């Protein structure tokens, strides 16, 4: 999904069962260097490659 879109909101990752799980997954990808957080905001975040 990250490769097919310019940016991804964690809420799009519905198969992860909850919004919190999706946010934690995206945060973990940022820590690993796989994606970047694009917005720089705490309340609304977009992630991309």
PDB file of N, CA and C in Angstrom:
ATOM      1  N   UNK A   1       0.823  -1.184   0.000  1.00  0.00           N
ATOM      2  CA  UNK A   1       0.000   0.000   0.000  1.00  0.00           C
ATOM      3  C   UNK A   1       0.873   1.257   0.000  1.00  0.00           C
ATOM      4  N   UNK A   2       1.965   1.240   0.757  1.00  0.00           N
ATOM      5  CA  UNK A   2       2.834   2.411   0.828  1.00  0.00           C
ATOM      6  C   UNK A   2       3.498   2.689  -0.518  1.00  0.00           C
ATOM      7  N   UNK A   3       3.720   1.661  -1.308  1.00  0.00           N
ATOM      8  CA  UNK A   3       4.362   1.845  -2.600  1.00  0.00           C
ATOM      9  C   UNK A   3       3.387   2.286  -3.679  1.00  0.00           C
ATOM     10  N   UNK A   4       2.111   2.027  -3.507  1.00  0.00           N
ATOM     11  CA  UNK A   4       1.116   2.366  -4.516  1.00  0.00           C
ATOM     12  C   UNK A   4       0.524   3.759  -4.351  1.00  0.00           C
ATOM     13  N   UNK A   5       0.702   4.380  -3.204  1.00  0.00           N
ATOM     14  CA  UNK A   5       0.111   5.694  -2.928  1.00  0.00           C
ATOM     15  C   UNK A   5       1.189   6.685  -2.517  1.00  0.00           C
ATOM     16  N   UNK A   6       0.914   7.959  -2.707  1.00  0.00           N
ATOM     17  CA  UNK A   6       1.859   8.993  -2.290  1.00  0.00           C
ATOM     18  C   UNK A   6       1.950   9.090  -0.775  1.00  0.00           C
ATOM     19  N   UNK A   7       0.812   8.959  -0.112  1.00  0.00           N
ATOM     20  CA  UNK A   7       0.785   8.989   1.348  1.00  0.00           C
ATOM     21  C   UNK A   7      -0.340   8.095   1.845  1.00  0.00           C
ATOM     22  N   UNK A   8      -0.159   7.610   3.077  1.00  0.00           N
ATOM     23  CA  UNK A   8      -1.127   6.686   3.667  1.00  0.00           C
ATOM     24  C   UNK A   8      -1.428   7.142   5.086  1.00  0.00           C
ATOM     25  N   UNK A   9      -2.707   7.220   5.417  1.00  0.00           N
ATOM     26  CA  UNK A   9      -3.129   7.484   6.793  1.00  0.00           C
ATOM     27  C   UNK A   9      -3.297   6.136   7.490  1.00  0.00           C
ATOM     28  N   UNK A  10      -2.957   6.042   8.756  1.00  0.00           N
ATOM     29  CA  UNK A  10      -3.089   4.763   9.463  1.00  0.00           C
ATOM     30  C   UNK A  10      -4.504   4.188   9.436  1.00  0.00           C
ATOM     31  N   UNK A  11      -5.505   5.024   9.311  1.00  0.00           N
ATOM     32  CA  UNK A  11      -6.883   4.526   9.303  1.00  0.00           C
ATOM     33  C   UNK A  11      -7.182   3.687   8.066  1.00  0.00           C
ATOM     34  N   UNK A  12      -6.375   3.809   7.021  1.00  0.00           N
ATOM     35  CA  UNK A  12      -6.563   3.017   5.807  1.00  0.00           C
ATOM     36  C   UNK A  12      -6.160   1.563   6.029  1.00  0.00           C
ATOM     37  N   UNK A  13      -5.366   1.330   7.036  1.00  0.00           N
ATOM     38  CA  UNK A  13      -4.881  -0.018   7.322  1.00  0.00           C
ATOM     39  C   UNK A  13      -5.882  -0.779   8.178  1.00  0.00           C
ATOM     40  N   UNK A  14      -7.089  -0.903   7.705  1.00  0.00           N
ATOM     41  CA  UNK A  14      -8.187  -1.521   8.448  1.00  0.00           C
ATOM     42  C   UNK A  14      -7.934  -2.975   8.847  1.00  0.00           C
ATOM     43  N   UNK A  15      -7.225  -3.768   8.088  1.00  0.00           N
ATOM     44  CA  UNK A  15      -7.026  -5.163   8.493  1.00  0.00           C
ATOM     45  C   UNK A  15      -6.243  -5.344   9.794  1.00  0.00           C
ATOM     46  N   UNK A  16      -5.669  -4.290  10.334  1.00  0.00           N
ATOM     47  CA  UNK A  16      -4.924  -4.407  11.587  1.00  0.00           C
ATOM     48  C   UNK A  16      -5.831  -4.374  12.810  1.00  0.00           C
ATOM     49  N   UNK A  17      -7.120  -4.364  12.609  1.00  0.00           N
ATOM     50  CA  UNK A  17      -8.158  -4.511  13.645  1.00  0.00           C
ATOM     51  C   UNK A  17      -8.482  -3.261  14.442  1.00  0.00           C
ATOM     52  N   UNK A  18      -7.538  -2.346  14.646  1.00  0.00           N
ATOM     53  CA  UNK A  18      -7.864  -1.139  15.404  1.00  0.00           C
ATOM     54  C   UNK A  18      -7.006   0.028  14.918  1.00  0.00           C
ATOM     55  N   UNK A  19      -7.484   1.234  15.180  1.00  0.00           N
ATOM     56  CA  UNK A  19      -6.732   2.431  14.807  1.00  0.00           C
ATOM     57  C   UNK A  19      -5.403   2.491  15.546  1.00  0.00           C
ATOM     58  N   UNK A  20      -5.424   2.114  16.801  1.00  0.00           N
ATOM     59  CA  UNK A  20      -4.196   2.155  17.603  1.00  0.00           C
ATOM     60  C   UNK A  20      -3.152   1.196  17.059  1.00  0.00           C
ATOM     61  N   UNK A  21      -3.575   0.015  16.659  1.00  0.00           N
ATOM     62  CA  UNK A  21      -2.647  -0.958  16.085  1.00  0.00           C
ATOM     63  C   UNK A  21      -2.056  -0.437  14.782  1.00  0.00           C
ATOM     64  N   UNK A  22      -2.868   0.213  13.981  1.00  0.00           N
ATOM     65  CA  UNK A  22      -2.386   0.779  12.718  1.00  0.00           C
ATOM     66  C   UNK A  22      -1.375   1.891  12.972  1.00  0.00           C
ATOM     67  N   UNK A  23      -1.648   2.763  13.952  1.00  0.00           N
ATOM     68  CA  UNK A  23      -0.692   3.837  14.287  1.00  0.00           C
ATOM     69  C   UNK A  23       0.617   3.261  14.802  1.00  0.00           C
ATOM     70  N   UNK A  24       0.540   2.260  15.659  1.00  0.00           N
ATOM     71  CA  UNK A  24       1.761   1.644  16.194  1.00  0.00           C
ATOM     72  C   UNK A  24       2.552   0.955  15.090  1.00  0.00           C
ATOM     73  N   UNK A  25       1.861   0.319  14.151  1.00  0.00           N
ATOM     74  CA  UNK A  25       2.522  -0.324  13.022  1.00  0.00           C
ATOM     75  C   UNK A  25       3.271   0.710  12.184  1.00  0.00           C
ATOM     76  N   UNK A  26       2.619   1.821  11.895  1.00  0.00           N
ATOM     77  CA  UNK A  26       3.261   2.881  11.106  1.00  0.00           C
ATOM     78  C   UNK A  26       4.426   3.499  11.865  1.00  0.00           C
ATOM     79  N   UNK A  27       4.276   3.718  13.142  1.00  0.00           N
ATOM     80  CA  UNK A  27       5.371   4.254  13.953  1.00  0.00           C
ATOM     81  C   UNK A  27       6.560   3.297  13.958  1.00  0.00           C
ATOM     82  N   UNK A  28       6.283   2.022  13.998  1.00  0.00           N
ATOM     83  CA  UNK A  28       7.363   1.026  13.975  1.00  0.00           C
ATOM     84  C   UNK A  28       8.075   1.045  12.623  1.00  0.00           C
ATOM     85  N   UNK A  29       7.333   1.206  11.543  1.00  0.00           N
ATOM     86  CA  UNK A  29       7.956   1.298  10.223  1.00  0.00           C
ATOM     87  C   UNK A  29       8.845   2.534  10.112  1.00  0.00           C
ATOM     88  N   UNK A  30       8.439   3.620  10.767  1.00  0.00           N
ATOM     89  CA  UNK A  30       9.267   4.826  10.794  1.00  0.00           C
ATOM     90  C   UNK A  30      10.562   4.545  11.548  1.00  0.00           C
ATOM     91  N   UNK A  31      10.468   3.879  12.697  1.00  0.00           N
ATOM     92  CA  UNK A  31      11.656   3.546  13.484  1.00  0.00           C
ATOM     93  C   UNK A  31      12.633   2.676  12.695  1.00  0.00           C
ATOM     94  N   UNK A  32      12.094   1.778  11.878  1.00  0.00           N
ATOM     95  CA  UNK A  32      12.931   0.888  11.084  1.00  0.00           C
ATOM     96  C   UNK A  32      13.479   1.562   9.829  1.00  0.00           C
ATOM     97  N   UNK A  33      12.972   2.744   9.506  1.00  0.00           N
ATOM     98  CA  UNK A  33      13.436   3.468   8.329  1.00  0.00           C
ATOM     99  C   UNK A  33      12.758   3.061   7.033  1.00  0.00           C
ATOM    100  N   UNK A  34      11.673   2.313   7.118  1.00  0.00           N
ATOM    101  CA  UNK A  34      10.973   1.854   5.921  1.00  0.00           C
ATOM    102  C   UNK A  34      10.068   2.938   5.330  1.00  0.00           C
ATOM    103  N   UNK A  35       9.490   3.773   6.175  1.00  0.00           N
ATOM    104  CA  UNK A  35       8.622   4.872   5.731  1.00  0.00           C
ATOM    105  C   UNK A  35       8.978   6.131   6.517  1.00  0.00           C
ATOM    106  N   UNK A  36       8.434   7.270   6.052  1.00  0.00           N
ATOM    107  CA  UNK A  36       8.637   8.541   6.741  1.00  0.00           C
ATOM    108  C   UNK A  36       7.285   9.090   7.157  1.00  0.00           C
ATOM    109  N   UNK A  37       7.278   9.827   8.244  1.00  0.00           N
ATOM    110  CA  UNK A  37       6.083  10.545   8.680  1.00  0.00           C
ATOM    111  C   UNK A  37       6.124  11.886   7.961  1.00  0.00           C
ATOM    112  N   UNK A  38       5.077  12.210   7.204  1.00  0.00           N
ATOM    113  CA  UNK A  38       5.109  13.352   6.297  1.00  0.00           C
ATOM    114  C   UNK A  38       4.526  14.639   6.859  1.00  0.00           C
ATOM    115  N   UNK A  39       3.659  14.576   7.844  1.00  0.00           N
ATOM    116  CA  UNK A  39       2.937  15.769   8.278  1.00  0.00           C
ATOM    117  C   UNK A  39       3.625  16.543   9.382  1.00  0.00           C
ATOM    118  N   UNK A  40       4.331  15.875  10.270  1.00  0.00           N
ATOM    119  CA  UNK A  40       4.970  16.553  11.388  1.00  0.00           C
ATOM    120  C   UNK A  40       4.011  16.983  12.479  1.00  0.00           C
ATOM    121  N   UNK A  41       2.828  16.393  12.509  1.00  0.00           N
ATOM    122  CA  UNK A  41       1.814  16.721  13.512  1.00  0.00           C
ATOM    123  C   UNK A  41       1.546  15.503  14.386  1.00  0.00           C
ATOM    124  N   UNK A  42       1.109  15.745  15.599  1.00  0.00           N
ATOM    125  CA  UNK A  42       0.778  14.629  16.497  1.00  0.00           C
ATOM    126  C   UNK A  42      -0.642  14.139  16.332  1.00  0.00           C
ATOM    127  N   UNK A  43      -1.558  15.014  15.929  1.00  0.00           N
ATOM    128  CA  UNK A  43      -2.963  14.641  15.882  1.00  0.00           C
ATOM    129  C   UNK A  43      -3.350  13.949  14.573  1.00  0.00           C
ATOM    130  N   UNK A  44      -2.726  14.306  13.474  1.00  0.00           N
ATOM    131  CA  UNK A  44      -3.053  13.714  12.185  1.00  0.00           C
ATOM    132  C   UNK A  44      -1.754  13.427  11.465  1.00  0.00           C
ATOM    133  N   UNK A  45      -1.522  12.193  11.130  1.00  0.00           N
ATOM    134  CA  UNK A  45      -0.266  11.807  10.510  1.00  0.00           C
ATOM    135  C   UNK A  45      -0.492  11.113   9.187  1.00  0.00           C
ATOM    136  N   UNK A  46       0.376  11.410   8.242  1.00  0.00           N
ATOM    137  CA  UNK A  46       0.430  10.708   6.968  1.00  0.00           C
ATOM    138  C   UNK A  46       1.819  10.125   6.825  1.00  0.00           C
ATOM    139  N   UNK A  47       1.884   8.947   6.247  1.00  0.00           N
ATOM    140  CA  UNK A  47       3.147   8.242   6.086  1.00  0.00           C
ATOM    141  C   UNK A  47       3.375   7.956   4.619  1.00  0.00           C
ATOM    142  N   UNK A  48       4.640   7.937   4.229  1.00  0.00           N
ATOM    143  CA  UNK A  48       4.983   7.647   2.841  1.00  0.00           C
ATOM    144  C   UNK A  48       6.415   7.147   2.739  1.00  0.00           C
ATOM    145  N   UNK A  49       6.749   6.683   1.558  1.00  0.00           N
ATOM    146  CA  UNK A  49       8.093   6.152   1.317  1.00  0.00           C
ATOM    147  C   UNK A  49       9.050   7.275   1.030  1.00  0.00           C
TER     148      UNK A  49
END
